[in-house]
C-alpha atoms as a PDB file:
ATOM      1  CA  UNK A   1      -9.994  -6.139 -56.849  1.00  0.00           C
ATOM      2  CA  UNK A   2      -9.233  -5.588 -53.660  1.00  0.00           C
ATOM      3  CA  UNK A   3      -6.637  -2.272 -53.109  1.00  0.00           C
ATOM      4  CA  UNK A   4      -4.957  -0.678 -50.185  1.00  0.00           C
ATOM      5  CA  UNK A   5      -5.263   2.699 -50.242  1.00  0.00           C
ATOM      6  CA  UNK A   6      -4.934   5.853 -48.636  1.00  0.00           C
ATOM      7  CA  UNK A   7      -8.785   8.777 -48.576  1.00  0.00           C
ATOM      8  CA  UNK A   8      -5.748  11.193 -50.595  1.00  0.00           C
ATOM      9  CA  UNK A   9      -5.422   9.012 -53.283  1.00  0.00           C
ATOM     10  CA  UNK A  10      -8.578   7.777 -54.063  1.00  0.00           C
ATOM     11  CA  UNK A  11      -9.833  11.679 -54.448  1.00  0.00           C
ATOM     12  CA  UNK A  12      -7.231  12.307 -56.466  1.00  0.00           C
ATOM     13  CA  UNK A  13      -7.352   9.395 -58.712  1.00  0.00           C
ATOM     14  CA  UNK A  14     -11.023  10.294 -59.326  1.00  0.00           C
ATOM     15  CA  UNK A  15      -9.998  13.833 -60.524  1.00  0.00           C
ATOM     16  CA  UNK A  16      -8.140  12.228 -62.682  1.00  0.00           C
ATOM     17  CA  UNK A  17     -10.114   9.754 -63.499  1.00  0.00           C
ATOM     18  CA  UNK A  18     -12.479  12.414 -64.870  1.00  0.00           C
ATOM     19  CA  UNK A  19      -9.832  13.537 -68.147  1.00  0.00           C
ATOM     20  CA  UNK A  20      -9.931   9.613 -68.522  1.00  0.00           C
ATOM     21  CA  UNK A  21     -13.127   9.171 -69.067  1.00  0.00           C
ATOM     22  CA  UNK A  22     -13.384  12.061 -72.102  1.00  0.00           C
ATOM     23  CA  UNK A  23     -10.790   9.937 -74.039  1.00  0.00           C
ATOM     24  CA  UNK A  24     -11.642   7.825 -77.428  1.00  0.00           C
ATOM     25  CA  UNK A  25     -11.454   4.289 -76.767  1.00  0.00           C
ATOM     26  CA  UNK A  26     -12.636   0.722 -76.880  1.00  0.00           C
ATOM     27  CA  UNK A  27     -15.897  -0.176 -75.448  1.00  0.00           C
ATOM     28  CA  UNK A  28     -14.827  -2.885 -73.176  1.00  0.00           C
ATOM     29  CA  UNK A  29     -11.847  -1.145 -71.973  1.00  0.00           C
ATOM     30  CA  UNK A  30     -14.258   2.512 -71.390  1.00  0.00           C
ATOM     31  CA  UNK A  31     -16.981  -0.084 -69.581  1.00  0.00           C
ATOM     32  CA  UNK A  32     -14.401  -0.897 -67.232  1.00  0.00           C
ATOM     33  CA  UNK A  33     -12.973   2.697 -66.228  1.00  0.00           C
ATOM     34  CA  UNK A  34     -16.968   3.828 -66.045  1.00  0.00           C
ATOM     35  CA  UNK A  35     -17.233   1.362 -63.172  1.00  0.00           C
ATOM     36  CA  UNK A  36     -13.739   1.677 -61.854  1.00  0.00           C
ATOM     37  CA  UNK A  37     -15.159   5.387 -61.472  1.00  0.00           C
ATOM     38  CA  UNK A  38     -18.437   4.627 -60.631  1.00  0.00           C
ATOM     39  CA  UNK A  39     -16.014   2.756 -57.472  1.00  0.00           C
ATOM     40  CA  UNK A  40     -14.332   5.449 -56.802  1.00  0.00           C
ATOM     41  CA  UNK A  41     -16.661   8.671 -56.728  1.00  0.00           C
ATOM     42  CA  UNK A  42     -18.678   6.168 -53.779  1.00  0.00           C
ATOM     43  CA  UNK A  43     -15.641   6.303 -51.550  1.00  0.00           C
ATOM     44  CA  UNK A  44     -15.118   9.925 -52.274  1.00  0.00           C
ATOM     45  CA  UNK A  45     -18.134  11.164 -51.328  1.00  0.00           C
ATOM     46  CA  UNK A  46     -17.751   9.841 -48.025  1.00  0.00           C
ATOM     47  CA  UNK A  47     -13.945  10.635 -47.585  1.00  0.00           C
ATOM     48  CA  UNK A  48     -16.036  14.654 -48.752  1.00  0.00           C
ATOM     49  CA  UNK A  49     -18.528  14.054 -46.010  1.00  0.00           C
ATOM     50  CA  UNK A  50     -16.277  13.712 -43.520  1.00  0.00           C
ATOM     51  CA  UNK A  51     -13.688  15.936 -44.860  1.00  0.00           C
ATOM     52  CA  UNK A  52     -17.384  18.508 -44.362  1.00  0.00           C
ATOM     53  CA  UNK A  53     -17.833  17.230 -40.616  1.00  0.00           C
ATOM     54  CA  UNK A  54     -14.073  18.252 -39.883  1.00  0.00           C
ATOM     55  CA  UNK A  55     -14.781  21.276 -41.269  1.00  0.00           C
ATOM     56  CA  UNK A  56     -17.705  22.255 -39.218  1.00  0.00           C
ATOM     57  CA  UNK A  57     -16.285  21.282 -35.897  1.00  0.00           C
ATOM     58  CA  UNK A  58     -13.685  23.862 -36.359  1.00  0.00           C
ATOM     59  CA  UNK A  59     -15.895  26.221 -38.176  1.00  0.00           C
ATOM     60  CA  UNK A  60     -19.062  28.066 -37.922  1.00  0.00           C
ATOM     61  CA  UNK A  61     -21.079  28.939 -41.620  1.00  0.00           C
ATOM     62  CA  UNK A  62     -21.319  32.529 -43.014  1.00  0.00           C
ATOM     63  CA  UNK A  63     -24.197  34.839 -43.833  1.00  0.00           C
ATOM     64  CA  UNK A  64     -24.341  32.848 -46.837  1.00  0.00           C
ATOM     65  CA  UNK A  65     -24.814  29.389 -45.255  1.00  0.00           C
ATOM     66  CA  UNK A  66     -21.024  28.464 -46.716  1.00  0.00           C
ATOM     67  CA  UNK A  67     -17.855  27.265 -44.623  1.00  0.00           C
ATOM     68  CA  UNK A  68     -14.866  29.221 -45.113  1.00  0.00           C
ATOM     69  CA  UNK A  69     -11.088  29.010 -43.182  1.00  0.00           C
ATOM     70  CA  UNK A  70      -8.225  31.534 -43.418  1.00  0.00           C
ATOM     71  CA  UNK A  71      -5.035  30.913 -42.422  1.00  0.00           C
ATOM     72  CA  UNK A  72      -6.034  33.817 -39.582  1.00  0.00           C
ATOM     73  CA  UNK A  73      -8.793  31.545 -38.140  1.00  0.00           C
ATOM     74  CA  UNK A  74      -7.628  30.536 -34.934  1.00  0.00           C
ATOM     75  CA  UNK A  75      -8.742  26.793 -35.560  1.00  0.00           C
ATOM     76  CA  UNK A  76      -6.718  26.997 -38.989  1.00  0.00           C
ATOM     77  CA  UNK A  77      -4.072  24.990 -38.087  1.00  0.00           C
ATOM     78  CA  UNK A  78      -6.284  21.858 -36.359  1.00  0.00           C
ATOM     79  CA  UNK A  79      -8.518  21.647 -39.307  1.00  0.00           C
ATOM     80  CA  UNK A  80      -5.671  21.186 -41.459  1.00  0.00           C
ATOM     81  CA  UNK A  81      -3.899  18.521 -39.432  1.00  0.00           C
ATOM     82  CA  UNK A  82      -7.731  16.519 -39.182  1.00  0.00           C
ATOM     83  CA  UNK A  83      -7.435  16.794 -42.690  1.00  0.00           C
ATOM     84  CA  UNK A  84      -4.079  15.627 -43.140  1.00  0.00           C
ATOM     85  CA  UNK A  85      -4.853  12.447 -41.164  1.00  0.00           C
ATOM     86  CA  UNK A  86      -7.961  11.956 -42.700  1.00  0.00           C
ATOM     87  CA  UNK A  87      -6.373  11.858 -46.216  1.00  0.00           C
ATOM     88  CA  UNK A  88      -3.551   9.748 -45.198  1.00  0.00           C
ATOM     89  CA  UNK A  89      -5.921   7.799 -43.530  1.00  0.00           C
ATOM     90  CA  UNK A  90      -5.077   3.564 -45.268  1.00  0.00           C
ATOM     91  CA  UNK A  91      -8.289   1.901 -46.433  1.00  0.00           C
ATOM     92  CA  UNK A  92      -9.153  -0.579 -48.600  1.00  0.00           C
ATOM     93  CA  UNK A  93     -11.424  -0.298 -51.762  1.00  0.00           C
ATOM     94  CA  UNK A  94     -13.186  -2.614 -54.059  1.00  0.00           C
ATOM     95  CA  UNK A  95     -12.547  -1.379 -57.163  1.00  0.00           C
ATOM     96  CA  UNK A  96     -13.186  -3.461 -61.028  1.00  0.00           C
ATOM     97  CA  UNK A  97     -10.083  -4.910 -62.750  1.00  0.00           C
ATOM     98  CA  UNK A  98      -9.153  -1.823 -65.949  1.00  0.00           C
ATOM     99  CA  UNK A  99      -6.690  -3.169 -68.370  1.00  0.00           C
ATOM    100  CA  UNK A 100      -5.706   0.059 -70.407  1.00  0.00           C
ATOM    101  CA  UNK A 101      -4.312  -0.905 -73.733  1.00  0.00           C
ATOM    102  CA  UNK A 102      -0.088   0.940 -73.925  1.00  0.00           C
ATOM    103  CA  UNK A 103      -2.133   2.949 -77.400  1.00  0.00           C
ATOM    104  CA  UNK A 104      -3.726   4.784 -75.510  1.00  0.00           C
ATOM    105  CA  UNK A 105      -2.035   8.311 -74.944  1.00  0.00           C
ATOM    106  CA  UNK A 106      -2.194   9.582 -71.320  1.00  0.00           C
ATOM    107  CA  UNK A 107       0.327  11.987 -69.210  1.00  0.00           C
ATOM    108  CA  UNK A 108       2.293  10.644 -66.533  1.00  0.00           C
ATOM    109  CA  UNK A 109       0.718  12.673 -64.571  1.00  0.00           C
ATOM    110  CA  UNK A 110      -2.474  10.394 -64.920  1.00  0.00           C
ATOM    111  CA  UNK A 111      -1.110   7.058 -65.091  1.00  0.00           C
ATOM    112  CA  UNK A 112       0.540   8.096 -62.010  1.00  0.00           C
ATOM    113  CA  UNK A 113      -2.123   9.258 -60.157  1.00  0.00           C
ATOM    114  CA  UNK A 114      -4.010   5.919 -61.121  1.00  0.00           C
ATOM    115  CA  UNK A 115      -0.908   3.127 -61.009  1.00  0.00           C
ATOM    116  CA  UNK A 116      -3.189   1.692 -57.946  1.00  0.00           C
ATOM    117  CA  UNK A 117      -6.054   1.049 -59.900  1.00  0.00           C
ATOM    118  CA  UNK A 118      -5.324   0.213 -63.526  1.00  0.00           C
ATOM    119  CA  UNK A 119      -2.793  -1.762 -65.520  1.00  0.00           C
ATOM    120  CA  UNK A 120      -1.797  -0.982 -68.863  1.00  0.00           C
ATOM    121  CA  UNK A 121      -1.386  -3.550 -71.438  1.00  0.00           C
ATOM    122  CA  UNK A 122       0.137  -4.237 -74.789  1.00  0.00           C
END
């Protein structure tokens, strides 16, 4: 199914899917969840690459080759602005349909983060 979302929602959903992947559930549902995780991981990898490109554009690598930015850096505000724009970018993702049984207990924050990508059924 096609889902209209934002880059930020994909990243947040991916983080919450990690929790869901550790929960025992019927095999068919587990496979649906795993396929959703695969789909969102592909999208999240593209987003993470774009985030890295923004940082590299404004931040020089440290001695160890890592990129670190602090509020004291002159480009800090610009980096935050561009990252905010990136994360709010509207995207359309193709994901498998996932129907979670209502009997699976999940924290509300997980359900909210995944609400565009899953349905809860009786």
